[in-house]
Protein backbone atom coordinates (compact mmCIF):
# COMPACT_ATOMS: atom_id res chain seq x y z
CA UNK A 1 0.00 0.00 0.00
CA UNK A 2 1.28 3.41 -0.84
CA UNK A 3 1.24 6.32 1.51
CA UNK A 4 -1.36 8.03 -0.69
CA UNK A 5 -3.73 5.06 -0.25
CA UNK A 6 -3.29 5.14 3.53
CA UNK A 7 -3.60 8.90 3.83
CA UNK A 8 -6.05 10.34 1.26
CA UNK A 9 -4.90 13.89 1.92
CA UNK A 10 -1.60 12.98 0.24
CA UNK A 11 -3.36 12.57 -3.12
CA UNK A 12 -3.05 15.41 -5.57
CA UNK A 13 -6.11 17.29 -6.71
CA UNK A 14 -6.00 15.63 -10.14
CA UNK A 15 -5.77 12.17 -8.58
CA UNK A 16 -8.74 12.98 -6.34
CA UNK A 17 -10.76 14.19 -9.33
CA UNK A 18 -9.91 11.03 -11.23
CA UNK A 19 -10.92 8.87 -8.26
CA UNK A 20 -14.23 10.75 -7.86
CA UNK A 21 -14.95 10.44 -11.59
CA UNK A 22 -14.21 6.71 -11.43
CA UNK A 23 -16.56 6.33 -8.46
CA UNK A 24 -19.36 8.20 -10.28
CA UNK A 25 -18.91 5.99 -13.34
CA UNK A 26 -19.13 2.89 -11.15
CA UNK A 27 -22.27 4.24 -9.49
CA UNK A 28 -23.91 4.92 -12.87
CA UNK A 29 -23.10 1.41 -14.10
CA UNK A 30 -24.54 -0.12 -10.93
CA UNK A 31 -27.67 2.06 -11.17
CA UNK A 32 -28.19 0.85 -14.73
CA UNK A 33 -27.81 -2.77 -13.70
CA UNK A 34 -30.25 -2.28 -10.83
CA UNK A 35 -32.89 -0.69 -13.05
CA UNK A 36 -32.41 -3.41 -15.65
CA UNK A 37 -32.78 -6.19 -13.08
CA UNK A 38 -35.94 -4.56 -11.67
CA UNK A 39 -37.47 -4.31 -15.13
CA UNK A 40 -36.59 -7.90 -15.94
CA UNK A 41 -38.03 -9.04 -12.63
CA UNK A 42 -41.37 -7.39 -13.32
CA UNK A 43 -41.58 -8.46 -16.93
CA UNK A 44 -40.27 -11.97 -16.20
CA UNK A 45 -42.98 -12.88 -13.71
CA UNK A 46 -45.95 -14.55 -15.28
CA UNK A 47 -49.44 -14.90 -13.95
CA UNK A 48 -48.69 -18.48 -12.93
CA UNK A 49 -45.76 -17.40 -10.80
CA UNK A 50 -47.89 -14.78 -9.04
CA UNK A 51 -50.59 -17.37 -8.41
CA UNK A 52 -47.96 -19.80 -7.07
CA UNK A 53 -46.61 -17.12 -4.73
CA UNK A 54 -50.13 -16.39 -3.44
CA UNK A 55 -50.90 -20.09 -2.94
CA UNK A 56 -47.62 -20.60 -1.06
CA UNK A 57 -48.32 -17.59 1.16
CA UNK A 58 -51.82 -18.91 1.84
CA UNK A 59 -50.45 -22.33 2.81
CA UNK A 60 -47.94 -20.72 5.18
CA UNK A 61 -50.72 -18.66 6.78
CA UNK A 62 -52.89 -21.75 7.22
CA UNK A 63 -50.00 -23.60 8.91
CA UNK A 64 -49.36 -20.65 11.19
CA UNK A 65 -53.06 -20.47 12.02
CA UNK A 66 -53.07 -24.18 12.93
CA UNK A 67 -50.02 -23.73 15.14
CA UNK A 68 -51.62 -20.75 16.87
CA UNK A 69 -54.80 -22.73 17.45
CA UNK A 70 -52.81 -25.54 19.04
CA UNK A 71 -50.96 -23.06 21.23
CA UNK A 72 -54.24 -21.47 22.34
CA UNK A 73 -55.67 -24.89 23.24
CA UNK A 74 -52.53 -25.68 25.25
CA UNK A 75 -52.79 -22.36 27.10
CA UNK A 76 -56.44 -23.03 27.94
CA UNK A 77 -55.53 -26.47 29.31
CA UNK A 78 -52.79 -24.91 31.41
CA UNK A 79 -55.17 -22.24 32.72
CA UNK A 80 -57.66 -24.94 33.67
CA UNK A 81 -54.94 -26.95 35.45
CA UNK A 82 -53.72 -23.85 37.30
CA UNK A 83 -57.27 -23.03 38.34
CA UNK A 84 -57.80 -26.58 39.65
CA UNK A 85 -54.53 -26.52 41.57
CA UNK A 86 -55.31 -23.09 43.01
CA UNK A 87 -58.71 -24.36 44.21
CA UNK A 88 -57.08 -27.41 45.78
CA UNK A 89 -54.52 -25.16 47.50
CA UNK A 90 -57.25 -22.89 48.86
CA UNK A 91 -59.18 -25.88 50.24
CA UNK A 92 -56.02 -27.28 51.82
CA UNK A 93 -55.21 -23.90 53.38
CA UNK A 94 -58.75 -23.69 54.78
CA UNK A 95 -58.50 -27.18 56.29
CA UNK A 96 -55.11 -26.43 57.86
CA UNK A 97 -56.42 -23.14 59.24
CA UNK A 98 -59.43 -24.92 60.77
CA UNK A 99 -57.19 -27.63 62.23
CA UNK A 100 -54.86 -25.04 63.77
CA UNK A 101 -57.84 -23.19 65.25
CA UNK A 102 -59.26 -26.46 66.66
CA UNK A 103 -55.89 -27.40 68.21
CA UNK A 104 -55.51 -23.96 69.77
CA UNK A 105 -59.01 -24.19 71.26
CA UNK A 106 -58.28 -27.70 72.64
CA UNK A 107 -55.03 -26.47 74.26
CA UNK A 108 -56.80 -23.66 76.08
C-alpha atoms as a PDB file:
ATOM      1  CA  UNK A   1       0.000   0.000   0.000  1.00  0.00           C
ATOM      2  CA  UNK A   2       1.281   3.412  -0.843  1.00  0.00           C
ATOM      3  CA  UNK A   3       1.242   6.325   1.510  1.00  0.00           C
ATOM      4  CA  UNK A   4      -1.356   8.035  -0.686  1.00  0.00           C
ATOM      5  CA  UNK A   5      -3.726   5.059  -0.246  1.00  0.00           C
ATOM      6  CA  UNK A   6      -3.286   5.139   3.528  1.00  0.00           C
ATOM      7  CA  UNK A   7      -3.601   8.904   3.832  1.00  0.00           C
ATOM      8  CA  UNK A   8      -6.050  10.342   1.261  1.00  0.00           C
ATOM      9  CA  UNK A   9      -4.901  13.894   1.919  1.00  0.00           C
ATOM     10  CA  UNK A  10      -1.604  12.983   0.241  1.00  0.00           C
ATOM     11  CA  UNK A  11      -3.359  12.571  -3.117  1.00  0.00           C
ATOM     12  CA  UNK A  12      -3.049  15.405  -5.565  1.00  0.00           C
ATOM     13  CA  UNK A  13      -6.115  17.288  -6.709  1.00  0.00           C
ATOM     14  CA  UNK A  14      -6.003  15.631 -10.139  1.00  0.00           C
ATOM     15  CA  UNK A  15      -5.773  12.173  -8.578  1.00  0.00           C
ATOM     16  CA  UNK A  16      -8.739  12.977  -6.338  1.00  0.00           C
ATOM     17  CA  UNK A  17     -10.764  14.193  -9.327  1.00  0.00           C
ATOM     18  CA  UNK A  18      -9.913  11.029 -11.231  1.00  0.00           C
ATOM     19  CA  UNK A  19     -10.919   8.866  -8.263  1.00  0.00           C
ATOM     20  CA  UNK A  20     -14.227  10.746  -7.858  1.00  0.00           C
ATOM     21  CA  UNK A  21     -14.946  10.436 -11.589  1.00  0.00           C
ATOM     22  CA  UNK A  22     -14.214   6.714 -11.434  1.00  0.00           C
ATOM     23  CA  UNK A  23     -16.565   6.330  -8.458  1.00  0.00           C
ATOM     24  CA  UNK A  24     -19.357   8.198 -10.276  1.00  0.00           C
ATOM     25  CA  UNK A  25     -18.912   5.986 -13.343  1.00  0.00           C
ATOM     26  CA  UNK A  26     -19.130   2.888 -11.153  1.00  0.00           C
ATOM     27  CA  UNK A  27     -22.274   4.239  -9.488  1.00  0.00           C
ATOM     28  CA  UNK A  28     -23.906   4.921 -12.871  1.00  0.00           C
ATOM     29  CA  UNK A  29     -23.101   1.411 -14.097  1.00  0.00           C
ATOM     30  CA  UNK A  30     -24.544  -0.116 -10.928  1.00  0.00           C
ATOM     31  CA  UNK A  31     -27.674   2.058 -11.170  1.00  0.00           C
ATOM     32  CA  UNK A  32     -28.186   0.854 -14.732  1.00  0.00           C
ATOM     33  CA  UNK A  33     -27.813  -2.774 -13.703  1.00  0.00           C
ATOM     34  CA  UNK A  34     -30.246  -2.279 -10.834  1.00  0.00           C
ATOM     35  CA  UNK A  35     -32.887  -0.690 -13.046  1.00  0.00           C
ATOM     36  CA  UNK A  36     -32.407  -3.414 -15.652  1.00  0.00           C
ATOM     37  CA  UNK A  37     -32.784  -6.188 -13.079  1.00  0.00           C
ATOM     38  CA  UNK A  38     -35.942  -4.564 -11.667  1.00  0.00           C
ATOM     39  CA  UNK A  39     -37.470  -4.311 -15.130  1.00  0.00           C
ATOM     40  CA  UNK A  40     -36.587  -7.905 -15.944  1.00  0.00           C
ATOM     41  CA  UNK A  41     -38.034  -9.041 -12.633  1.00  0.00           C
ATOM     42  CA  UNK A  42     -41.371  -7.390 -13.324  1.00  0.00           C
ATOM     43  CA  UNK A  43     -41.584  -8.464 -16.932  1.00  0.00           C
ATOM     44  CA  UNK A  44     -40.269 -11.968 -16.197  1.00  0.00           C
ATOM     45  CA  UNK A  45     -42.984 -12.877 -13.706  1.00  0.00           C
ATOM     46  CA  UNK A  46     -45.946 -14.550 -15.280  1.00  0.00           C
ATOM     47  CA  UNK A  47     -49.438 -14.903 -13.950  1.00  0.00           C
ATOM     48  CA  UNK A  48     -48.694 -18.477 -12.930  1.00  0.00           C
ATOM     49  CA  UNK A  49     -45.758 -17.405 -10.803  1.00  0.00           C
ATOM     50  CA  UNK A  50     -47.892 -14.780  -9.037  1.00  0.00           C
ATOM     51  CA  UNK A  51     -50.593 -17.375  -8.406  1.00  0.00           C
ATOM     52  CA  UNK A  52     -47.964 -19.797  -7.071  1.00  0.00           C
ATOM     53  CA  UNK A  53     -46.614 -17.116  -4.735  1.00  0.00           C
ATOM     54  CA  UNK A  54     -50.128 -16.389  -3.437  1.00  0.00           C
ATOM     55  CA  UNK A  55     -50.903 -20.091  -2.936  1.00  0.00           C
ATOM     56  CA  UNK A  56     -47.620 -20.596  -1.063  1.00  0.00           C
ATOM     57  CA  UNK A  57     -48.324 -17.594   1.156  1.00  0.00           C
ATOM     58  CA  UNK A  58     -51.824 -18.914   1.841  1.00  0.00           C
ATOM     59  CA  UNK A  59     -50.449 -22.333   2.811  1.00  0.00           C
ATOM     60  CA  UNK A  60     -47.942 -20.719   5.177  1.00  0.00           C
ATOM     61  CA  UNK A  61     -50.718 -18.659   6.777  1.00  0.00           C
ATOM     62  CA  UNK A  62     -52.893 -21.749   7.225  1.00  0.00           C
ATOM     63  CA  UNK A  63     -50.005 -23.599   8.907  1.00  0.00           C
ATOM     64  CA  UNK A  64     -49.364 -20.650  11.194  1.00  0.00           C
ATOM     65  CA  UNK A  65     -53.063 -20.469  12.023  1.00  0.00           C
ATOM     66  CA  UNK A  66     -53.074 -24.179  12.929  1.00  0.00           C
ATOM     67  CA  UNK A  67     -50.016 -23.731  15.142  1.00  0.00           C
ATOM     68  CA  UNK A  68     -51.617 -20.748  16.873  1.00  0.00           C
ATOM     69  CA  UNK A  69     -54.804 -22.725  17.452  1.00  0.00           C
ATOM     70  CA  UNK A  70     -52.805 -25.544  19.036  1.00  0.00           C
ATOM     71  CA  UNK A  71     -50.957 -23.057  21.234  1.00  0.00           C
ATOM     72  CA  UNK A  72     -54.238 -21.472  22.342  1.00  0.00           C
ATOM     73  CA  UNK A  73     -55.673 -24.890  23.237  1.00  0.00           C
ATOM     74  CA  UNK A  74     -52.531 -25.682  25.252  1.00  0.00           C
ATOM     75  CA  UNK A  75     -52.790 -22.365  27.097  1.00  0.00           C
ATOM     76  CA  UNK A  76     -56.440 -23.029  27.937  1.00  0.00           C
ATOM     77  CA  UNK A  77     -55.531 -26.467  29.310  1.00  0.00           C
ATOM     78  CA  UNK A  78     -52.790 -24.914  31.411  1.00  0.00           C
ATOM     79  CA  UNK A  79     -55.169 -22.244  32.715  1.00  0.00           C
ATOM     80  CA  UNK A  80     -57.661 -24.940  33.674  1.00  0.00           C
ATOM     81  CA  UNK A  81     -54.939 -26.946  35.452  1.00  0.00           C
ATOM     82  CA  UNK A  82     -53.720 -23.847  37.300  1.00  0.00           C
ATOM     83  CA  UNK A  83     -57.274 -23.031  38.344  1.00  0.00           C
ATOM     84  CA  UNK A  84     -57.797 -26.581  39.648  1.00  0.00           C
ATOM     85  CA  UNK A  85     -54.527 -26.519  41.574  1.00  0.00           C
ATOM     86  CA  UNK A  86     -55.315 -23.090  43.014  1.00  0.00           C
ATOM     87  CA  UNK A  87     -58.707 -24.357  44.211  1.00  0.00           C
ATOM     88  CA  UNK A  88     -57.085 -27.407  45.777  1.00  0.00           C
ATOM     89  CA  UNK A  89     -54.523 -25.162  47.497  1.00  0.00           C
ATOM     90  CA  UNK A  90     -57.254 -22.891  48.863  1.00  0.00           C
ATOM     91  CA  UNK A  91     -59.181 -25.884  50.240  1.00  0.00           C
ATOM     92  CA  UNK A  92     -56.019 -27.284  51.820  1.00  0.00           C
ATOM     93  CA  UNK A  93     -55.213 -23.904  53.384  1.00  0.00           C
ATOM     94  CA  UNK A  94     -58.753 -23.687  54.784  1.00  0.00           C
ATOM     95  CA  UNK A  95     -58.496 -27.182  56.293  1.00  0.00           C
ATOM     96  CA  UNK A  96     -55.106 -26.430  57.856  1.00  0.00           C
ATOM     97  CA  UNK A  97     -56.419 -23.144  59.240  1.00  0.00           C
ATOM     98  CA  UNK A  98     -59.435 -24.915  60.768  1.00  0.00           C
ATOM     99  CA  UNK A  99     -57.190 -27.628  62.234  1.00  0.00           C
ATOM    100  CA  UNK A 100     -54.858 -25.041  63.774  1.00  0.00           C
ATOM    101  CA  UNK A 101     -57.839 -23.195  65.251  1.00  0.00           C
ATOM    102  CA  UNK A 102     -59.265 -26.461  66.660  1.00  0.00           C
ATOM    103  CA  UNK A 103     -55.887 -27.400  68.206  1.00  0.00           C
ATOM    104  CA  UNK A 104     -55.512 -23.956  69.774  1.00  0.00           C
ATOM    105  CA  UNK A 105     -59.009 -24.188  71.260  1.00  0.00           C
ATOM    106  CA  UNK A 106     -58.280 -27.697  72.636  1.00  0.00           C
ATOM    107  CA  UNK A 107     -55.031 -26.474  74.263  1.00  0.00           C
ATOM    108  CA  UNK A 108     -56.801 -23.659  76.079  1.00  0.00           C
END
